[in-house]
Amino acid sequence: MPKRRHLPLTALRAFEAFARHGRMSLAADELCVTHGAVSRQVRGLERLCGARLTQGPRNNLKLTDSGERLARSLGATFDEIERSFVEVRASADRELHVSCVGTLAMKWLIPRLSSFHARRPELSVRVTEAYSPVDFTREPFDAAIRLSDVATVEGATVTSFLDNFHGPVLAPGLIPAGAHFPSLGALPRLHTRPHPQAWAEWAGQAGMILPETAEHREYEHLFYMLEAAAAGLGVGLTPWIYVAADIAAGRLAAPFGFVRTPARFQLILPEQTPKRGLAHFRDWLLEESATAPPPPEMALVGA
């Protein structure tokens, strides 16, 4: 593809505005510059073209034939650019790009999105898995969902929409007789590599001492660990909202209930110029979270 020659775009824009309005002062108002700045751009463009584009006294300039031809071409070109820009911007406004912790996206958010699309068919939600701290100045996301106990984020507004409860889950066939908690020590204990301290945190929040176990199994992601638990490979620890549907369906069991954590699920929006559709997404998220079933209470038999 041949290289495009350097075009004096600022001068062309100034000339097109003057040609459309017929007066330097009106072109200057549109471009938010001075009358003299527009005049200098037009004179400079004439020198680059090697042809006169305007004629007549300074207070009543008219286009020459060359100026008329250039003005028609520029007008059509800028009209097409403006149409394309408006179309691209409208398309971008219709898509909400949300970064979200992966397991919440898989287990809770995405299964509910059809109700948002039914309510707001003009909007679409694109979900990307992410866990790092939110920085809207460096990342291409319109919003983020995180599990955090931090109430504020610099340069953003934070809306908490779900409390977090976590507890042990396992395949129903592995539930120990009488559901005595100490007997869980006989089962492999499942962990996730990014959060190896989860069991210790849970024990502290539940106010109990973990029984020793002979075997530990580690998984790269929480959703891998949950599948391992459902497959009978051991007992895992998880937020309630991730497994509510699986427990209702009988894939997993939580015989010891769940305990509240200090963290909450949060919708994080940029403080400056968030997309208009994000207000609808936030309202929908709050409504959906209000219908979330409560977790079973903590019940540690024989702890």
C-alpha atoms as a PDB file:
ATOM      1  CA  MET A   1       0.000   0.000   0.000  1.00  0.00           C
ATOM      2  CA  PRO A   2       1.528   3.373  -0.986  1.00  0.00           C
ATOM      3  CA  LYS A   3       2.296   5.848   1.773  1.00  0.00           C
ATOM      4  CA  ARG A   4      -0.195   8.680   2.236  1.00  0.00           C
ATOM      5  CA  ARG A   5       1.345  12.106   1.727  1.00  0.00           C
ATOM      6  CA  HIS A   6       1.365  14.418   4.702  1.00  0.00           C
ATOM      7  CA  LEU A   7      -1.787  16.518   4.514  1.00  0.00           C
ATOM      8  CA  PRO A   8      -2.228  19.887   6.270  1.00  0.00           C
ATOM      9  CA  LEU A   9      -5.327  18.702   8.101  1.00  0.00           C
ATOM     10  CA  THR A  10      -5.612  21.723  10.394  1.00  0.00           C
ATOM     11  CA  ALA A  11      -5.493  24.092   7.439  1.00  0.00           C
ATOM     12  CA  LEU A  12      -7.942  21.987   5.430  1.00  0.00           C
ATOM     13  CA  ARG A  13     -10.361  21.945   8.354  1.00  0.00           C
ATOM     14  CA  ALA A  14     -10.112  25.717   8.762  1.00  0.00           C
ATOM     15  CA  PHE A  15     -10.665  26.294   5.038  1.00  0.00           C
ATOM     16  CA  GLU A  16     -13.666  23.922   4.950  1.00  0.00           C
ATOM     17  CA  ALA A  17     -15.263  25.746   7.888  1.00  0.00           C
ATOM     18  CA  PHE A  18     -14.723  29.134   6.214  1.00  0.00           C
ATOM     19  CA  ALA A  19     -16.106  27.840   2.907  1.00  0.00           C
ATOM     20  CA  ARG A  20     -19.205  26.474   4.635  1.00  0.00           C
ATOM     21  CA  HIS A  21     -19.916  29.576   6.720  1.00  0.00           C
ATOM     22  CA  GLY A  22     -18.655  32.194   4.266  1.00  0.00           C
ATOM     23  CA  ARG A  23     -17.046  34.227   7.060  1.00  0.00           C
ATOM     24  CA  MET A  24     -13.775  33.852   8.938  1.00  0.00           C
ATOM     25  CA  SER A  25     -15.359  34.903  12.232  1.00  0.00           C
ATOM     26  CA  LEU A  26     -18.014  32.155  12.068  1.00  0.00           C
ATOM     27  CA  ALA A  27     -15.396  29.555  11.161  1.00  0.00           C
ATOM     28  CA  ALA A  28     -13.298  30.744  14.107  1.00  0.00           C
ATOM     29  CA  ASP A  29     -16.270  30.393  16.476  1.00  0.00           C
ATOM     30  CA  GLU A  30     -16.889  26.815  15.302  1.00  0.00           C
ATOM     31  CA  LEU A  31     -13.247  25.830  15.702  1.00  0.00           C
ATOM     32  CA  CYS A  32     -12.815  27.746  18.992  1.00  0.00           C
ATOM     33  CA  VAL A  33      -9.862  29.740  17.654  1.00  0.00           C
ATOM     34  CA  THR A  34      -9.330  33.376  16.680  1.00  0.00           C
ATOM     35  CA  HIS A  35     -10.307  35.018  13.393  1.00  0.00           C
ATOM     36  CA  GLY A  36      -6.611  35.564  12.698  1.00  0.00           C
ATOM     37  CA  ALA A  37      -5.794  31.879  13.239  1.00  0.00           C
ATOM     38  CA  VAL A  38      -8.305  30.838  10.567  1.00  0.00           C
ATOM     39  CA  SER A  39      -7.017  33.483   8.186  1.00  0.00           C
ATOM     40  CA  ARG A  40      -3.420  32.311   8.640  1.00  0.00           C
ATOM     41  CA  GLN A  41      -4.406  28.681   8.018  1.00  0.00           C
ATOM     42  CA  VAL A  42      -6.220  29.616   4.782  1.00  0.00           C
ATOM     43  CA  ARG A  43      -3.273  31.723   3.563  1.00  0.00           C
ATOM     44  CA  GLY A  44      -0.877  28.879   4.412  1.00  0.00           C
ATOM     45  CA  LEU A  45      -3.052  26.383   2.545  1.00  0.00           C
ATOM     46  CA  GLU A  46      -2.982  28.631  -0.533  1.00  0.00           C
ATOM     47  CA  ARG A  47       0.812  28.652  -0.423  1.00  0.00           C
ATOM     48  CA  LEU A  48       0.931  24.833  -0.146  1.00  0.00           C
ATOM     49  CA  CYS A  49      -1.550  24.459  -3.018  1.00  0.00           C
ATOM     50  CA  GLY A  50       0.188  27.048  -5.185  1.00  0.00           C
ATOM     51  CA  ALA A  51      -3.209  28.487  -6.074  1.00  0.00           C
ATOM     52  CA  ARG A  52      -5.550  31.205  -4.853  1.00  0.00           C
ATOM     53  CA  LEU A  53      -8.535  29.744  -3.003  1.00  0.00           C
ATOM     54  CA  THR A  54     -10.181  33.051  -2.054  1.00  0.00           C
ATOM     55  CA  GLN A  55     -10.533  36.440  -3.693  1.00  0.00           C
ATOM     56  CA  GLY A  56     -11.924  39.878  -2.941  1.00  0.00           C
ATOM     57  CA  PRO A  57     -11.534  42.290  -0.023  1.00  0.00           C
ATOM     58  CA  ARG A  58     -10.638  40.854   3.401  1.00  0.00           C
ATOM     59  CA  ASN A  59     -14.059  41.734   4.814  1.00  0.00           C
ATOM     60  CA  ASN A  60     -15.901  40.056   1.935  1.00  0.00           C
ATOM     61  CA  LEU A  61     -13.810  37.112   0.732  1.00  0.00           C
ATOM     62  CA  LYS A  62     -15.262  34.785  -1.882  1.00  0.00           C
ATOM     63  CA  LEU A  63     -14.077  31.405  -3.161  1.00  0.00           C
ATOM     64  CA  THR A  64     -12.240  31.152  -6.435  1.00  0.00           C
ATOM     65  CA  ASP A  65     -13.030  28.311  -8.835  1.00  0.00           C
ATOM     66  CA  SER A  66     -10.191  26.310  -7.297  1.00  0.00           C
ATOM     67  CA  GLY A  67     -11.529  27.109  -3.842  1.00  0.00           C
ATOM     68  CA  GLU A  68     -15.016  25.964  -4.851  1.00  0.00           C
ATOM     69  CA  ARG A  69     -13.669  22.600  -6.111  1.00  0.00           C
ATOM     70  CA  LEU A  70     -11.635  22.037  -2.969  1.00  0.00           C
ATOM     71  CA  ALA A  71     -14.512  23.075  -0.707  1.00  0.00           C
ATOM     72  CA  ARG A  72     -16.928  20.620  -2.374  1.00  0.00           C
ATOM     73  CA  SER A  73     -14.440  17.775  -2.001  1.00  0.00           C
ATOM     74  CA  LEU A  74     -13.605  18.623   1.602  1.00  0.00           C
ATOM     75  CA  GLY A  75     -17.278  19.041   2.532  1.00  0.00           C
ATOM     76  CA  ALA A  76     -18.167  15.589   1.234  1.00  0.00           C
ATOM     77  CA  THR A  77     -15.081  14.057   2.878  1.00  0.00           C
ATOM     78  CA  PHE A  78     -15.685  15.635   6.290  1.00  0.00           C
ATOM     79  CA  ASP A  79     -19.366  14.664   6.129  1.00  0.00           C
ATOM     80  CA  GLU A  80     -18.379  11.037   5.557  1.00  0.00           C
ATOM     81  CA  ILE A  81     -15.783  11.148   8.350  1.00  0.00           C
ATOM     82  CA  GLU A  82     -18.383  12.610  10.711  1.00  0.00           C
ATOM     83  CA  ARG A  83     -20.928   9.923   9.823  1.00  0.00           C
ATOM     84  CA  SER A  84     -18.361   7.171  10.400  1.00  0.00           C
ATOM     85  CA  PHE A  85     -17.277   8.710  13.686  1.00  0.00           C
ATOM     86  CA  VAL A  86     -20.858   8.979  14.944  1.00  0.00           C
ATOM     87  CA  GLU A  87     -21.545   5.366  13.962  1.00  0.00           C
ATOM     88  CA  VAL A  88     -18.413   4.077  15.701  1.00  0.00           C
ATOM     89  CA  ARG A  89     -19.119   6.139  18.827  1.00  0.00           C
ATOM     90  CA  ALA A  90     -22.732   4.960  18.935  1.00  0.00           C
ATOM     91  CA  SER A  91     -21.587   1.352  18.613  1.00  0.00           C
ATOM     92  CA  ALA A  92     -19.065   1.863  21.415  1.00  0.00           C
ATOM     93  CA  ASP A  93     -21.732   3.473  23.616  1.00  0.00           C
ATOM     94  CA  ARG A  94     -23.953   0.410  23.135  1.00  0.00           C
ATOM     95  CA  GLU A  95     -21.286  -2.017  24.402  1.00  0.00           C
ATOM     96  CA  LEU A  96     -20.433  -2.144  28.100  1.00  0.00           C
ATOM     97  CA  HIS A  97     -17.066  -3.818  28.613  1.00  0.00           C
ATOM     98  CA  VAL A  98     -17.007  -5.221  32.151  1.00  0.00           C
ATOM     99  CA  SER A  99     -14.014  -6.881  33.774  1.00  0.00           C
ATOM    100  CA  CYS A 100     -15.100  -9.409  36.371  1.00  0.00           C
ATOM    101  CA  VAL A 101     -13.605 -12.040  38.637  1.00  0.00           C
ATOM    102  CA  GLY A 102     -13.902 -15.243  36.645  1.00  0.00           C
ATOM    103  CA  THR A 103     -15.978 -17.508  38.863  1.00  0.00           C
ATOM    104  CA  LEU A 104     -18.607 -14.848  39.574  1.00  0.00           C
ATOM    105  CA  ALA A 105     -18.862 -14.214  35.829  1.00  0.00           C
ATOM    106  CA  MET A 106     -19.336 -17.930  35.082  1.00  0.00           C
ATOM    107  CA  LYS A 107     -21.544 -18.897  37.995  1.00  0.00           C
ATOM    108  CA  TRP A 108     -23.666 -15.811  38.610  1.00  0.00           C
ATOM    109  CA  LEU A 109     -23.327 -12.860  36.234  1.00  0.00           C
ATOM    110  CA  ILE A 110     -23.470 -14.450  32.773  1.00  0.00           C
ATOM    111  CA  PRO A 111     -26.398 -16.800  33.582  1.00  0.00           C
ATOM    112  CA  ARG A 112     -28.442 -13.687  34.478  1.00  0.00           C
ATOM    113  CA  LEU A 113     -27.478 -11.381  31.619  1.00  0.00           C
ATOM    114  CA  SER A 114     -30.437 -12.395  29.466  1.00  0.00           C
ATOM    115  CA  SER A 115     -32.720 -10.445  31.792  1.00  0.00           C
ATOM    116  CA  PHE A 116     -30.576  -7.331  31.358  1.00  0.00           C
ATOM    117  CA  HIS A 117     -30.602  -7.716  27.572  1.00  0.00           C
ATOM    118  CA  ALA A 118     -34.377  -8.154  27.630  1.00  0.00           C
ATOM    119  CA  ARG A 119     -34.716  -4.919  29.604  1.00  0.00           C
ATOM    120  CA  ARG A 120     -32.121  -2.972  27.614  1.00  0.00           C
ATOM    121  CA  PRO A 121     -31.918  -4.534  24.140  1.00  0.00           C
ATOM    122  CA  GLU A 122     -30.000  -1.517  22.843  1.00  0.00           C
ATOM    123  CA  LEU A 123     -27.066  -2.396  25.134  1.00  0.00           C
ATOM    124  CA  SER A 124     -24.722  -5.364  25.089  1.00  0.00           C
ATOM    125  CA  VAL A 125     -22.417  -6.505  27.883  1.00  0.00           C
ATOM    126  CA  ARG A 126     -18.963  -7.856  27.107  1.00  0.00           C
ATOM    127  CA  VAL A 127     -17.390  -9.700  30.051  1.00  0.00           C
ATOM    128  CA  THR A 128     -13.633 -10.179  30.458  1.00  0.00           C
ATOM    129  CA  GLU A 129     -12.069 -12.173  33.282  1.00  0.00           C
ATOM    130  CA  ALA A 130      -9.765 -10.022  35.439  1.00  0.00           C
ATOM    131  CA  TYR A 131      -8.562  -9.924  39.031  1.00  0.00           C
ATOM    132  CA  SER A 132      -5.987  -7.138  39.273  1.00  0.00           C
ATOM    133  CA  PRO A 133      -6.678  -3.782  40.958  1.00  0.00           C
ATOM    134  CA  VAL A 134      -8.800  -1.542  38.770  1.00  0.00           C
ATOM    135  CA  ASP A 135      -7.099   1.228  36.769  1.00  0.00           C
ATOM    136  CA  PHE A 136      -9.417   2.768  34.176  1.00  0.00           C
ATOM    137  CA  THR A 137      -6.637   5.041  32.898  1.00  0.00           C
ATOM    138  CA  ARG A 138      -4.646   2.045  31.642  1.00  0.00           C
ATOM    139  CA  GLU A 139      -7.262  -0.613  30.876  1.00  0.00           C
ATOM    140  CA  PRO A 140      -9.991  -0.667  28.192  1.00  0.00           C
ATOM    141  CA  PHE A 141     -12.820  -1.509  30.593  1.00  0.00           C
ATOM    142  CA  ASP A 142     -15.962   0.529  31.204  1.00  0.00           C
ATOM    143  CA  ALA A 143     -16.644  -1.092  34.579  1.00  0.00           C
ATOM    144  CA  ALA A 144     -15.210  -3.718  36.898  1.00  0.00           C
ATOM    145  CA  ILE A 145     -16.577  -6.213  39.408  1.00  0.00           C
ATOM    146  CA  ARG A 146     -14.313  -7.288  42.241  1.00  0.00           C
ATOM    147  CA  LEU A 147     -14.548  -9.060  45.592  1.00  0.00           C
ATOM    148  CA  SER A 148     -12.917  -6.679  48.048  1.00  0.00           C
ATOM    149  CA  ASP A 149     -13.034  -5.307  51.569  1.00  0.00           C
ATOM    150  CA  VAL A 150     -11.730  -1.920  50.366  1.00  0.00           C
ATOM    151  CA  ALA A 151     -14.560   0.616  50.300  1.00  0.00           C
ATOM    152  CA  THR A 152     -12.958   3.202  47.992  1.00  0.00           C
ATOM    153  CA  VAL A 153     -10.953   3.116  44.772  1.00  0.00           C
ATOM    154  CA  GLU A 154      -9.019   6.167  43.570  1.00  0.00           C
ATOM    155  CA  GLY A 155     -10.605   7.735  40.504  1.00  0.00           C
ATOM    156  CA  ALA A 156     -13.698   5.520  40.705  1.00  0.00           C
ATOM    157  CA  THR A 157     -17.070   5.125  42.391  1.00  0.00           C
ATOM    158  CA  VAL A 158     -17.756   1.880  44.235  1.00  0.00           C
ATOM    159  CA  THR A 159     -21.171   0.260  44.701  1.00  0.00           C
ATOM    160  CA  SER A 160     -21.346  -2.852  46.877  1.00  0.00           C
ATOM    161  CA  PHE A 161     -24.085  -5.153  45.634  1.00  0.00           C
ATOM    162  CA  LEU A 162     -23.571  -8.558  47.276  1.00  0.00           C
ATOM    163  CA  ASP A 163     -22.405  -9.649  50.723  1.00  0.00           C
ATOM    164  CA  ASN A 164     -19.904 -12.481  50.687  1.00  0.00           C
ATOM    165  CA  PHE A 165     -20.257 -15.690  52.691  1.00  0.00           C
ATOM    166  CA  HIS A 166     -17.902 -18.641  52.363  1.00  0.00           C
ATOM    167  CA  GLY A 167     -17.865 -22.202  53.598  1.00  0.00           C
ATOM    168  CA  PRO A 168     -16.818 -25.793  52.843  1.00  0.00           C
ATOM    169  CA  VAL A 169     -18.489 -27.697  49.987  1.00  0.00           C
ATOM    170  CA  LEU A 170     -18.162 -31.268  48.776  1.00  0.00           C
ATOM    171  CA  ALA A 171     -19.957 -33.879  46.744  1.00  0.00           C
ATOM    172  CA  PRO A 172     -23.113 -35.092  48.548  1.00  0.00           C
ATOM    173  CA  GLY A 173     -21.744 -38.652  48.635  1.00  0.00           C
ATOM    174  CA  LEU A 174     -18.712 -37.522  50.657  1.00  0.00           C
ATOM    175  CA  ILE A 175     -20.638 -35.991  53.556  1.00  0.00           C
ATOM    176  CA  PRO A 176     -19.317 -37.664  56.719  1.00  0.00           C
ATOM    177  CA  ALA A 177     -21.749 -39.591  58.876  1.00  0.00           C
ATOM    178  CA  GLY A 178     -23.522 -37.202  61.213  1.00  0.00           C
ATOM    179  CA  ALA A 179     -21.836 -34.290  59.446  1.00  0.00           C
ATOM    180  CA  HIS A 180     -19.195 -34.047  62.176  1.00  0.00           C
ATOM    181  CA  PHE A 181     -16.737 -31.376  61.168  1.00  0.00           C
ATOM    182  CA  PRO A 182     -13.604 -33.075  62.578  1.00  0.00           C
ATOM    183  CA  SER A 183     -14.212 -36.027  60.265  1.00  0.00           C
ATOM    184  CA  LEU A 184     -13.478 -33.725  57.307  1.00  0.00           C
ATOM    185  CA  GLY A 185      -9.842 -34.236  58.194  1.00  0.00           C
ATOM    186  CA  ALA A 186     -10.112 -37.622  56.551  1.00  0.00           C
ATOM    187  CA  LEU A 187     -10.880 -35.998  53.172  1.00  0.00           C
ATOM    188  CA  PRO A 188      -8.419 -34.297  50.829  1.00  0.00           C
ATOM    189  CA  ARG A 189      -8.511 -30.527  51.325  1.00  0.00           C
ATOM    190  CA  LEU A 190      -8.806 -28.558  48.113  1.00  0.00           C
ATOM    191  CA  HIS A 191      -7.033 -25.239  47.597  1.00  0.00           C
ATOM    192  CA  THR A 192      -6.548 -22.625  44.886  1.00  0.00           C
ATOM    193  CA  ARG A 193      -3.075 -21.428  44.002  1.00  0.00           C
ATOM    194  CA  PRO A 194      -3.937 -17.685  44.012  1.00  0.00           C
ATOM    195  CA  HIS A 195      -5.510 -17.844  47.493  1.00  0.00           C
ATOM    196  CA  PRO A 196      -3.662 -20.436  49.607  1.00  0.00           C
ATOM    197  CA  GLN A 197      -4.649 -18.731  52.872  1.00  0.00           C
ATOM    198  CA  ALA A 198      -8.411 -19.147  52.269  1.00  0.00           C
ATOM    199  CA  TRP A 199      -8.873 -22.028  54.706  1.00  0.00           C
ATOM    200  CA  ALA A 200      -6.984 -20.210  57.482  1.00  0.00           C
ATOM    201  CA  GLU A 201      -9.098 -17.087  56.921  1.00  0.00           C
ATOM    202  CA  TRP A 202     -12.285 -19.112  57.032  1.00  0.00           C
ATOM    203  CA  ALA A 203     -11.265 -20.873  60.269  1.00  0.00           C
ATOM    204  CA  GLY A 204     -10.543 -17.517  61.896  1.00  0.00           C
ATOM    205  CA  GLN A 205     -13.888 -16.051  60.812  1.00  0.00           C
ATOM    206  CA  ALA A 206     -15.727 -19.232  61.880  1.00  0.00           C
ATOM    207  CA  GLY A 207     -13.925 -19.233  65.245  1.00  0.00           C
ATOM    208  CA  MET A 208     -12.607 -22.775  65.025  1.00  0.00           C
ATOM    209  CA  ILE A 209      -9.489 -24.870  64.546  1.00  0.00           C
ATOM    210  CA  LEU A 210      -9.102 -26.823  61.308  1.00  0.00           C
ATOM    211  CA  PRO A 211      -8.620 -30.559  61.729  1.00  0.00           C
ATOM    212  CA  GLU A 212      -5.418 -31.973  60.305  1.00  0.00           C
ATOM    213  CA  THR A 213      -5.668 -33.631  56.924  1.00  0.00           C
ATOM    214  CA  ALA A 214      -3.322 -36.062  55.243  1.00  0.00           C
ATOM    215  CA  GLU A 215      -3.729 -34.740  51.708  1.00  0.00           C
ATOM    216  CA  HIS A 216      -3.900 -31.320  50.072  1.00  0.00           C
ATOM    217  CA  ARG A 217      -4.779 -30.732  46.415  1.00  0.00           C
ATOM    218  CA  GLU A 218      -4.174 -27.430  44.642  1.00  0.00           C
ATOM    219  CA  TYR A 219      -5.921 -25.988  41.575  1.00  0.00           C
ATOM    220  CA  GLU A 220      -5.109 -23.011  39.378  1.00  0.00           C
ATOM    221  CA  HIS A 221      -8.583 -21.472  39.516  1.00  0.00           C
ATOM    222  CA  LEU A 222     -11.512 -21.555  41.907  1.00  0.00           C
ATOM    223  CA  PHE A 223     -13.870 -22.899  39.240  1.00  0.00           C
ATOM    224  CA  TYR A 224     -11.457 -25.833  38.687  1.00  0.00           C
ATOM    225  CA  MET A 225     -11.510 -26.507  42.412  1.00  0.00           C
ATOM    226  CA  LEU A 226     -15.313 -26.439  42.498  1.00  0.00           C
ATOM    227  CA  GLU A 227     -15.484 -28.996  39.694  1.00  0.00           C
ATOM    228  CA  ALA A 228     -13.010 -31.153  41.620  1.00  0.00           C
ATOM    229  CA  ALA A 229     -15.235 -30.920  44.698  1.00  0.00           C
ATOM    230  CA  ALA A 230     -18.325 -31.867  42.670  1.00  0.00           C
ATOM    231  CA  ALA A 231     -16.383 -34.829  41.253  1.00  0.00           C
ATOM    232  CA  GLY A 232     -15.709 -36.138  44.755  1.00  0.00           C
ATOM    233  CA  LEU A 233     -12.006 -35.271  44.880  1.00  0.00           C
ATOM    234  CA  GLY A 234     -12.190 -33.607  48.289  1.00  0.00           C
ATOM    235  CA  VAL A 235     -13.659 -30.700  50.229  1.00  0.00           C
ATOM    236  CA  GLY A 236     -13.232 -27.153  48.946  1.00  0.00           C
ATOM    237  CA  LEU A 237     -13.880 -23.687  50.286  1.00  0.00           C
ATOM    238  CA  THR A 238     -15.925 -21.206  48.273  1.00  0.00           C
ATOM    239  CA  PRO A 239     -18.084 -18.099  48.374  1.00  0.00           C
ATOM    240  CA  TRP A 240     -21.757 -19.016  48.670  1.00  0.00           C
ATOM    241  CA  ILE A 241     -22.901 -17.136  45.590  1.00  0.00           C
ATOM    242  CA  TYR A 242     -20.650 -19.290  43.375  1.00  0.00           C
ATOM    243  CA  VAL A 243     -22.304 -22.530  44.436  1.00  0.00           C
ATOM    244  CA  ALA A 244     -25.893 -21.599  45.279  1.00  0.00           C
ATOM    245  CA  ALA A 245     -27.184 -23.065  42.011  1.00  0.00           C
ATOM    246  CA  ASP A 246     -25.038 -26.207  42.301  1.00  0.00           C
ATOM    247  CA  ILE A 247     -26.231 -26.831  45.851  1.00  0.00           C
ATOM    248  CA  ALA A 248     -29.857 -26.333  44.800  1.00  0.00           C
ATOM    249  CA  ALA A 249     -29.276 -28.810  41.956  1.00  0.00           C
ATOM    250  CA  GLY A 250     -27.660 -31.393  44.250  1.00  0.00           C
ATOM    251  CA  ARG A 251     -24.210 -31.257  42.576  1.00  0.00           C
ATOM    252  CA  LEU A 252     -22.607 -29.947  45.752  1.00  0.00           C
ATOM    253  CA  ALA A 253     -23.489 -29.959  49.428  1.00  0.00           C
ATOM    254  CA  ALA A 254     -22.621 -27.533  52.216  1.00  0.00           C
ATOM    255  CA  PRO A 255     -23.437 -29.424  55.436  1.00  0.00           C
ATOM    256  CA  PHE A 256     -21.666 -26.875  57.647  1.00  0.00           C
ATOM    257  CA  GLY A 257     -23.143 -23.705  56.208  1.00  0.00           C
ATOM    258  CA  PHE A 258     -21.400 -20.424  55.430  1.00  0.00           C
ATOM    259  CA  VAL A 259     -19.909 -17.558  57.426  1.00  0.00           C
ATOM    260  CA  ARG A 260     -19.847 -13.883  56.430  1.00  0.00           C
ATOM    261  CA  THR A 261     -16.536 -12.344  55.354  1.00  0.00           C
ATOM    262  CA  PRO A 262     -15.462  -8.686  55.524  1.00  0.00           C
ATOM    263  CA  ALA A 263     -15.303  -8.526  51.708  1.00  0.00           C
ATOM    264  CA  ARG A 264     -18.206  -7.647  49.416  1.00  0.00           C
ATOM    265  CA  PHE A 265     -18.801  -7.908  45.680  1.00  0.00           C
ATOM    266  CA  GLN A 266     -18.449  -4.417  44.243  1.00  0.00           C
ATOM    267  CA  LEU A 267     -19.265  -2.693  40.964  1.00  0.00           C
ATOM    268  CA  ILE A 268     -16.535  -0.162  40.232  1.00  0.00           C
ATOM    269  CA  LEU A 269     -17.198   2.630  37.713  1.00  0.00           C
ATOM    270  CA  PRO A 270     -14.855   5.357  36.474  1.00  0.00           C
ATOM    271  CA  GLU A 271     -15.436   8.645  38.257  1.00  0.00           C
ATOM    272  CA  GLN A 272     -14.978  10.656  35.062  1.00  0.00           C
ATOM    273  CA  THR A 273     -17.460  10.362  32.146  1.00  0.00           C
ATOM    274  CA  PRO A 274     -18.759   6.807  32.584  1.00  0.00           C
ATOM    275  CA  LYS A 275     -20.843   5.489  29.704  1.00  0.00           C
ATOM    276  CA  ARG A 276     -24.526   6.339  29.981  1.00  0.00           C
ATOM    277  CA  GLY A 277     -25.620   2.691  29.891  1.00  0.00           C
ATOM    278  CA  LEU A 278     -23.651   1.889  33.038  1.00  0.00           C
ATOM    279  CA  ALA A 279     -26.314   3.462  35.249  1.00  0.00           C
ATOM    280  CA  HIS A 280     -28.832   0.960  33.869  1.00  0.00           C
ATOM    281  CA  PHE A 281     -26.352  -1.886  34.426  1.00  0.00           C
ATOM    282  CA  ARG A 282     -25.760  -0.794  38.029  1.00  0.00           C
ATOM    283  CA  ASP A 283     -29.489  -0.589  38.770  1.00  0.00           C
ATOM    284  CA  TRP A 284     -30.060  -4.025  37.245  1.00  0.00           C
ATOM    285  CA  LEU A 285     -27.163  -5.497  39.219  1.00  0.00           C
ATOM    286  CA  LEU A 286     -28.596  -4.182  42.492  1.00  0.00           C
ATOM    287  CA  GLU A 287     -32.026  -5.611  41.654  1.00  0.00           C
ATOM    288  CA  GLU A 288     -30.575  -9.016  40.762  1.00  0.00           C
ATOM    289  CA  SER A 289     -28.478  -9.170  43.911  1.00  0.00           C
ATOM    290  CA  ALA A 290     -31.561  -8.407  46.028  1.00  0.00           C
ATOM    291  CA  THR A 291     -33.110 -11.661  44.778  1.00  0.00           C
ATOM    292  CA  ALA A 292     -30.049 -13.799  45.614  1.00  0.00           C
ATOM    293  CA  PRO A 293     -30.948 -16.628  48.022  1.00  0.00           C
ATOM    294  CA  PRO A 294     -29.449 -16.388  51.523  1.00  0.00           C
ATOM    295  CA  PRO A 295     -26.797 -18.944  52.452  1.00  0.00           C
ATOM    296  CA  PRO A 296     -27.397 -21.697  54.982  1.00  0.00           C
ATOM    297  CA  GLU A 297     -26.253 -20.627  58.412  1.00  0.00           C
ATOM    298  CA  MET A 298     -23.066 -21.899  59.976  1.00  0.00           C
ATOM    299  CA  ALA A 299     -23.671 -25.255  61.679  1.00  0.00           C
ATOM    300  CA  LEU A 300     -20.485 -26.985  62.791  1.00  0.00           C
ATOM    301  CA  VAL A 301     -21.582 -30.196  64.440  1.00  0.00           C
ATOM    302  CA  GLY A 302     -18.861 -31.646  66.626  1.00  0.00           C
ATOM    303  CA  ALA A 303     -16.484 -28.760  65.937  1.00  0.00           C
END
